[in-house]
């Protein structure tokens, strides 16, 4: 029997902020992006907080690249979500991109949210539903 995926083979890699906005004192405390991803039926891969040690960042970049590689092999549509007011988008975008390029993998679609958009309900939901 073939495997079915209730996420419609679509997954979004997000910064920790999307799930835990209360941990980011200078950014709006909004779960709207998370709610939008759930509402759209996409899978979510949450990356750790941005302020971890350099050694831990390297480990997480490798893990994230492994997951992206596996999702690509299995035919998933993948997006990397970044928040402009978080360091390196909140997902170490420059390091993750370099790792994916070194593996000769396709860079997933990058979806950027501006700080000013973080509390705009329908705008967020509309943008998220149109990612793929």
N, C-alpha and C. Protein backbone atom coordinates (compact mmCIF):
# COMPACT_ATOMS: atom_id res chain seq x y z
N UNK A 1 0.84 -1.17 0.00
CA UNK A 1 0.00 0.00 0.00
C UNK A 1 0.89 1.25 0.00
N UNK A 2 0.66 2.21 -0.90
CA UNK A 2 1.49 3.41 -0.93
C UNK A 2 1.30 4.26 0.32
N UNK A 3 2.36 4.96 0.69
CA UNK A 3 2.28 5.86 1.83
C UNK A 3 1.49 7.10 1.46
N UNK A 4 0.66 7.56 2.37
CA UNK A 4 -0.10 8.78 2.16
C UNK A 4 0.44 9.84 3.11
N UNK A 5 0.40 11.06 2.71
CA UNK A 5 0.89 12.14 3.55
C UNK A 5 -0.22 13.17 3.69
N UNK A 6 -0.71 13.34 4.92
CA UNK A 6 -1.81 14.27 5.15
C UNK A 6 -1.37 15.72 4.93
N UNK A 7 -0.06 15.97 4.81
CA UNK A 7 0.43 17.32 4.57
C UNK A 7 0.49 17.64 3.08
N UNK A 8 0.00 16.75 2.24
CA UNK A 8 0.00 16.97 0.79
C UNK A 8 1.40 17.11 0.23
N UNK A 9 2.38 16.49 0.86
CA UNK A 9 3.76 16.54 0.39
C UNK A 9 4.30 17.96 0.32
N UNK A 10 3.94 18.77 1.31
CA UNK A 10 4.40 20.15 1.40
C UNK A 10 4.87 20.39 2.82
N UNK A 11 6.07 20.92 2.96
CA UNK A 11 6.62 21.14 4.29
C UNK A 11 7.35 22.48 4.34
N UNK A 12 7.22 23.15 5.48
CA UNK A 12 7.82 24.46 5.68
C UNK A 12 8.79 24.38 6.86
N UNK A 13 10.02 24.80 6.63
CA UNK A 13 11.02 24.92 7.71
C UNK A 13 10.88 26.33 8.28
N UNK A 14 10.68 26.41 9.59
CA UNK A 14 10.41 27.71 10.21
C UNK A 14 11.38 28.03 11.33
N UNK A 15 11.52 29.33 11.62
CA UNK A 15 12.28 29.72 12.81
C UNK A 15 11.49 29.33 14.07
N UNK A 16 12.20 29.22 15.17
CA UNK A 16 11.57 28.94 16.46
C UNK A 16 10.48 29.96 16.77
N UNK A 17 10.66 31.19 16.36
CA UNK A 17 9.70 32.26 16.62
C UNK A 17 8.27 31.87 16.22
N UNK A 18 8.11 31.15 15.12
CA UNK A 18 6.77 30.81 14.62
C UNK A 18 5.96 30.03 15.65
N UNK A 19 6.64 29.18 16.42
CA UNK A 19 5.96 28.35 17.43
C UNK A 19 6.04 28.99 18.81
N UNK A 20 7.10 29.71 19.09
CA UNK A 20 7.35 30.26 20.43
C UNK A 20 7.58 31.78 20.40
N UNK A 21 6.62 32.56 19.93
CA UNK A 21 6.85 34.00 19.82
C UNK A 21 7.06 34.68 21.17
N UNK A 22 6.59 34.07 22.24
CA UNK A 22 6.75 34.67 23.57
C UNK A 22 8.21 34.75 24.00
N UNK A 23 9.08 34.01 23.34
CA UNK A 23 10.52 34.03 23.67
C UNK A 23 11.28 35.14 22.95
N UNK A 24 10.58 35.98 22.20
CA UNK A 24 11.22 37.03 21.40
C UNK A 24 10.64 38.38 21.81
N UNK A 25 11.29 39.04 22.79
CA UNK A 25 10.72 40.23 23.41
C UNK A 25 10.49 41.42 22.46
N UNK A 26 11.25 41.55 21.42
CA UNK A 26 11.14 42.73 20.54
C UNK A 26 10.38 42.47 19.25
N UNK A 27 9.66 41.34 19.20
CA UNK A 27 8.92 40.96 18.00
C UNK A 27 7.46 40.73 18.40
N UNK A 28 6.49 41.05 17.54
CA UNK A 28 5.08 40.83 17.90
C UNK A 28 4.83 39.39 18.38
N UNK A 29 4.03 39.27 19.42
CA UNK A 29 3.70 37.95 20.00
C UNK A 29 2.51 37.39 19.24
N UNK A 30 2.77 36.78 18.11
CA UNK A 30 1.70 36.31 17.23
C UNK A 30 1.95 34.88 16.79
N UNK A 31 0.91 34.08 16.86
CA UNK A 31 0.96 32.71 16.35
C UNK A 31 0.31 32.61 14.97
N UNK A 32 0.10 33.74 14.31
CA UNK A 32 -0.62 33.77 13.04
C UNK A 32 0.07 32.94 11.95
N UNK A 33 1.39 32.98 11.90
CA UNK A 33 2.09 32.19 10.87
C UNK A 33 1.88 30.71 11.13
N UNK A 34 2.06 30.30 12.37
CA UNK A 34 1.84 28.89 12.73
C UNK A 34 0.41 28.47 12.39
N UNK A 35 -0.56 29.29 12.77
CA UNK A 35 -1.96 28.98 12.48
C UNK A 35 -2.20 28.88 10.98
N UNK A 36 -1.56 29.76 10.22
CA UNK A 36 -1.70 29.73 8.77
C UNK A 36 -1.12 28.48 8.14
N UNK A 37 0.03 28.04 8.65
CA UNK A 37 0.65 26.82 8.13
C UNK A 37 -0.24 25.62 8.43
N UNK A 38 -0.74 25.55 9.66
CA UNK A 38 -1.66 24.46 10.02
C UNK A 38 -2.92 24.49 9.15
N UNK A 39 -3.48 25.67 9.01
CA UNK A 39 -4.71 25.83 8.22
C UNK A 39 -4.51 25.41 6.77
N UNK A 40 -3.33 25.67 6.23
CA UNK A 40 -3.02 25.30 4.85
C UNK A 40 -2.73 23.80 4.71
N UNK A 41 -2.51 23.12 5.84
CA UNK A 41 -2.27 21.68 5.79
C UNK A 41 -0.83 21.29 5.49
N UNK A 42 0.11 22.22 5.70
CA UNK A 42 1.52 21.93 5.44
C UNK A 42 2.17 21.32 6.67
N UNK A 43 3.20 20.52 6.44
CA UNK A 43 4.02 20.04 7.53
C UNK A 43 4.93 21.16 8.01
N UNK A 44 5.35 21.07 9.27
CA UNK A 44 6.21 22.09 9.86
C UNK A 44 7.46 21.42 10.43
N UNK A 45 8.61 21.98 10.11
CA UNK A 45 9.86 21.62 10.76
C UNK A 45 10.36 22.88 11.43
N UNK A 46 10.34 22.90 12.76
CA UNK A 46 10.77 24.07 13.52
C UNK A 46 12.25 23.93 13.84
N UNK A 47 13.01 24.93 13.48
CA UNK A 47 14.43 24.94 13.82
C UNK A 47 14.60 25.53 15.22
N UNK A 48 15.72 25.26 15.88
CA UNK A 48 15.91 25.75 17.25
C UNK A 48 16.07 27.27 17.34
N UNK A 49 16.10 27.75 18.56
CA UNK A 49 16.30 29.18 18.80
C UNK A 49 17.58 29.63 18.12
N UNK A 50 17.62 30.89 17.75
CA UNK A 50 18.74 31.42 16.98
C UNK A 50 20.00 31.61 17.82
N UNK A 51 19.87 31.77 19.12
CA UNK A 51 21.03 32.11 19.95
C UNK A 51 21.66 30.90 20.64
N UNK A 52 21.95 29.87 19.85
CA UNK A 52 22.66 28.70 20.39
C UNK A 52 24.13 28.81 20.00
N UNK A 53 24.96 27.94 20.57
CA UNK A 53 26.40 28.01 20.31
C UNK A 53 26.72 27.68 18.85
N UNK A 54 27.87 28.13 18.40
CA UNK A 54 28.31 27.89 17.02
C UNK A 54 28.38 26.40 16.71
N UNK A 55 28.85 25.59 17.67
CA UNK A 55 28.91 24.14 17.48
C UNK A 55 27.51 23.56 17.27
N UNK A 56 26.56 24.04 18.07
CA UNK A 56 25.19 23.55 17.94
C UNK A 56 24.58 24.00 16.61
N UNK A 57 24.90 25.20 16.18
CA UNK A 57 24.39 25.68 14.90
C UNK A 57 24.86 24.76 13.78
N UNK A 58 26.13 24.41 13.77
CA UNK A 58 26.67 23.53 12.73
C UNK A 58 25.94 22.19 12.73
N UNK A 59 25.70 21.65 13.92
CA UNK A 59 24.98 20.38 14.01
C UNK A 59 23.57 20.51 13.45
N UNK A 60 22.87 21.59 13.82
CA UNK A 60 21.50 21.78 13.35
C UNK A 60 21.44 22.05 11.86
N UNK A 61 22.41 22.75 11.32
CA UNK A 61 22.45 22.99 9.88
C UNK A 61 22.57 21.65 9.16
N UNK A 62 23.42 20.79 9.64
CA UNK A 62 23.60 19.47 9.03
C UNK A 62 22.30 18.66 9.11
N UNK A 63 21.65 18.69 10.27
CA UNK A 63 20.39 17.96 10.44
C UNK A 63 19.32 18.50 9.49
N UNK A 64 19.20 19.82 9.43
CA UNK A 64 18.20 20.44 8.55
C UNK A 64 18.49 20.10 7.09
N UNK A 65 19.76 20.14 6.69
CA UNK A 65 20.12 19.81 5.31
C UNK A 65 19.81 18.34 5.02
N UNK A 66 20.06 17.46 5.99
CA UNK A 66 19.72 16.04 5.81
C UNK A 66 18.22 15.88 5.57
N UNK A 67 17.41 16.59 6.37
CA UNK A 67 15.96 16.49 6.22
C UNK A 67 15.51 17.05 4.88
N UNK A 68 16.05 18.18 4.49
CA UNK A 68 15.70 18.77 3.19
C UNK A 68 16.06 17.81 2.07
N UNK A 69 17.23 17.23 2.15
CA UNK A 69 17.67 16.27 1.13
C UNK A 69 16.69 15.10 1.04
N UNK A 70 16.29 14.56 2.18
CA UNK A 70 15.36 13.43 2.19
C UNK A 70 13.99 13.83 1.65
N UNK A 71 13.49 15.00 2.07
CA UNK A 71 12.21 15.47 1.54
C UNK A 71 12.29 15.65 0.02
N UNK A 72 13.39 16.20 -0.48
CA UNK A 72 13.53 16.38 -1.92
C UNK A 72 13.53 15.03 -2.65
N UNK A 73 14.23 14.05 -2.09
CA UNK A 73 14.25 12.72 -2.70
C UNK A 73 12.85 12.13 -2.79
N UNK A 74 12.02 12.44 -1.82
CA UNK A 74 10.67 11.88 -1.76
C UNK A 74 9.62 12.74 -2.48
N UNK A 75 10.07 13.81 -3.12
CA UNK A 75 9.18 14.60 -3.95
C UNK A 75 8.35 15.66 -3.24
N UNK A 76 8.75 16.04 -2.05
CA UNK A 76 8.03 17.08 -1.32
C UNK A 76 8.33 18.47 -1.88
N UNK A 77 7.35 19.35 -1.79
CA UNK A 77 7.58 20.77 -2.02
C UNK A 77 8.05 21.33 -0.68
N UNK A 78 9.11 22.12 -0.70
CA UNK A 78 9.72 22.60 0.53
C UNK A 78 9.86 24.12 0.45
N UNK A 79 9.61 24.76 1.59
CA UNK A 79 9.85 26.20 1.69
C UNK A 79 10.63 26.47 2.96
N UNK A 80 11.48 27.48 2.91
CA UNK A 80 12.20 27.98 4.08
C UNK A 80 11.55 29.32 4.44
N UNK A 81 11.03 29.42 5.64
CA UNK A 81 10.38 30.64 6.06
C UNK A 81 11.36 31.46 6.89
N UNK A 82 11.48 32.73 6.57
CA UNK A 82 12.36 33.60 7.34
C UNK A 82 11.57 34.82 7.81
N UNK A 83 12.02 35.38 8.92
CA UNK A 83 11.42 36.59 9.49
C UNK A 83 12.49 37.67 9.43
N UNK A 84 12.21 38.78 8.74
CA UNK A 84 13.26 39.76 8.45
C UNK A 84 13.88 40.41 9.68
N UNK A 85 13.16 40.45 10.80
CA UNK A 85 13.70 41.12 11.99
C UNK A 85 14.49 40.17 12.89
N UNK A 86 14.63 38.91 12.49
CA UNK A 86 15.44 37.95 13.25
C UNK A 86 16.78 37.76 12.56
N UNK A 87 17.81 37.58 13.35
CA UNK A 87 19.15 37.38 12.80
C UNK A 87 19.16 36.26 11.77
N UNK A 88 19.69 36.54 10.59
CA UNK A 88 19.80 35.57 9.48
C UNK A 88 18.46 34.88 9.20
N UNK A 89 17.38 35.65 9.36
CA UNK A 89 16.04 35.14 9.08
C UNK A 89 15.46 34.24 10.16
N UNK A 90 16.25 33.99 11.19
CA UNK A 90 15.81 33.10 12.26
C UNK A 90 16.11 31.64 12.01
N UNK A 91 16.73 31.36 10.85
CA UNK A 91 17.03 29.95 10.52
C UNK A 91 18.47 29.76 10.02
N UNK A 92 19.35 30.71 10.32
CA UNK A 92 20.73 30.64 9.84
C UNK A 92 20.75 30.44 8.33
N UNK A 93 19.98 31.26 7.64
CA UNK A 93 19.77 31.09 6.20
C UNK A 93 21.08 31.03 5.42
N UNK A 94 22.02 31.90 5.71
CA UNK A 94 23.27 31.90 4.93
C UNK A 94 24.04 30.59 5.11
N UNK A 95 24.09 30.08 6.32
CA UNK A 95 24.80 28.82 6.57
C UNK A 95 24.04 27.63 5.99
N UNK A 96 22.72 27.66 6.12
CA UNK A 96 21.92 26.56 5.56
C UNK A 96 22.03 26.54 4.05
N UNK A 97 21.97 27.71 3.43
CA UNK A 97 22.10 27.79 1.98
C UNK A 97 23.47 27.26 1.53
N UNK A 98 24.53 27.64 2.24
CA UNK A 98 25.88 27.17 1.89
C UNK A 98 25.97 25.65 1.99
N UNK A 99 25.36 25.09 3.03
CA UNK A 99 25.38 23.62 3.21
C UNK A 99 24.62 22.93 2.08
N UNK A 100 23.46 23.46 1.73
CA UNK A 100 22.68 22.86 0.64
C UNK A 100 23.43 22.96 -0.68
N UNK A 101 24.07 24.11 -0.93
CA UNK A 101 24.85 24.27 -2.16
C UNK A 101 26.03 23.31 -2.20
N UNK A 102 26.69 23.10 -1.05
CA UNK A 102 27.83 22.18 -1.02
C UNK A 102 27.41 20.74 -1.33
N UNK A 103 26.14 20.43 -1.06
CA UNK A 103 25.60 19.10 -1.37
C UNK A 103 24.97 19.05 -2.75
N UNK A 104 25.00 20.17 -3.45
CA UNK A 104 24.41 20.28 -4.78
C UNK A 104 22.90 20.00 -4.75
N UNK A 105 22.25 20.47 -3.68
CA UNK A 105 20.81 20.33 -3.55
C UNK A 105 20.12 21.60 -4.05
N UNK A 106 18.89 21.45 -4.46
CA UNK A 106 18.09 22.60 -4.86
C UNK A 106 17.76 23.42 -3.61
N UNK A 107 17.95 24.72 -3.70
CA UNK A 107 17.58 25.61 -2.59
C UNK A 107 16.05 25.72 -2.59
N UNK A 108 15.41 25.37 -1.47
CA UNK A 108 13.95 25.49 -1.42
C UNK A 108 13.51 26.94 -1.58
N UNK A 109 12.25 27.10 -1.89
CA UNK A 109 11.65 28.43 -1.99
C UNK A 109 11.82 29.14 -0.65
N UNK A 110 12.21 30.40 -0.70
CA UNK A 110 12.38 31.20 0.52
C UNK A 110 11.22 32.18 0.61
N UNK A 111 10.53 32.12 1.74
CA UNK A 111 9.37 32.98 1.98
C UNK A 111 9.72 33.90 3.14
N UNK A 112 9.78 35.20 2.86
CA UNK A 112 10.16 36.16 3.90
C UNK A 112 8.94 36.92 4.40
N UNK A 113 8.83 37.00 5.73
CA UNK A 113 7.81 37.84 6.35
C UNK A 113 8.49 39.03 6.99
N UNK A 114 7.90 40.19 6.79
CA UNK A 114 8.38 41.41 7.43
C UNK A 114 7.76 41.53 8.81
N UNK A 115 8.47 42.18 9.71
CA UNK A 115 7.94 42.36 11.06
C UNK A 115 6.57 43.02 11.02
N UNK A 116 6.38 43.95 10.12
CA UNK A 116 5.10 44.67 10.03
C UNK A 116 3.94 43.77 9.61
N UNK A 117 4.23 42.61 9.03
CA UNK A 117 3.18 41.70 8.56
C UNK A 117 2.74 40.68 9.62
N UNK A 118 3.46 40.59 10.72
CA UNK A 118 3.28 39.47 11.63
C UNK A 118 1.94 39.40 12.34
N UNK A 119 1.19 40.47 12.33
CA UNK A 119 -0.11 40.44 13.00
C UNK A 119 -1.27 40.69 12.04
N UNK A 120 -1.03 40.64 10.75
CA UNK A 120 -2.07 40.87 9.76
C UNK A 120 -2.70 39.53 9.36
N UNK A 121 -3.78 39.18 10.02
CA UNK A 121 -4.39 37.85 9.87
C UNK A 121 -4.59 37.40 8.43
N UNK A 122 -5.46 38.04 7.72
CA UNK A 122 -5.81 37.57 6.38
C UNK A 122 -4.65 37.67 5.40
N UNK A 123 -3.83 38.69 5.54
CA UNK A 123 -2.64 38.83 4.69
C UNK A 123 -1.70 37.63 4.89
N UNK A 124 -1.46 37.28 6.15
CA UNK A 124 -0.59 36.14 6.46
C UNK A 124 -1.19 34.86 5.91
N UNK A 125 -2.47 34.62 6.18
CA UNK A 125 -3.11 33.39 5.73
C UNK A 125 -3.07 33.28 4.21
N UNK A 126 -3.32 34.38 3.54
CA UNK A 126 -3.30 34.38 2.08
C UNK A 126 -1.90 34.08 1.55
N UNK A 127 -0.88 34.72 2.11
CA UNK A 127 0.50 34.47 1.67
C UNK A 127 0.92 33.03 1.91
N UNK A 128 0.54 32.48 3.06
CA UNK A 128 0.94 31.11 3.39
C UNK A 128 0.25 30.13 2.45
N UNK A 129 -1.04 30.32 2.19
CA UNK A 129 -1.76 29.41 1.31
C UNK A 129 -1.22 29.44 -0.11
N UNK A 130 -0.54 30.52 -0.48
CA UNK A 130 -0.02 30.62 -1.85
C UNK A 130 1.47 30.27 -1.95
N UNK A 131 2.04 29.71 -0.90
CA UNK A 131 3.47 29.36 -0.94
C UNK A 131 3.75 28.35 -2.04
N UNK A 132 2.91 27.34 -2.13
CA UNK A 132 3.15 26.26 -3.10
C UNK A 132 2.13 26.29 -4.22
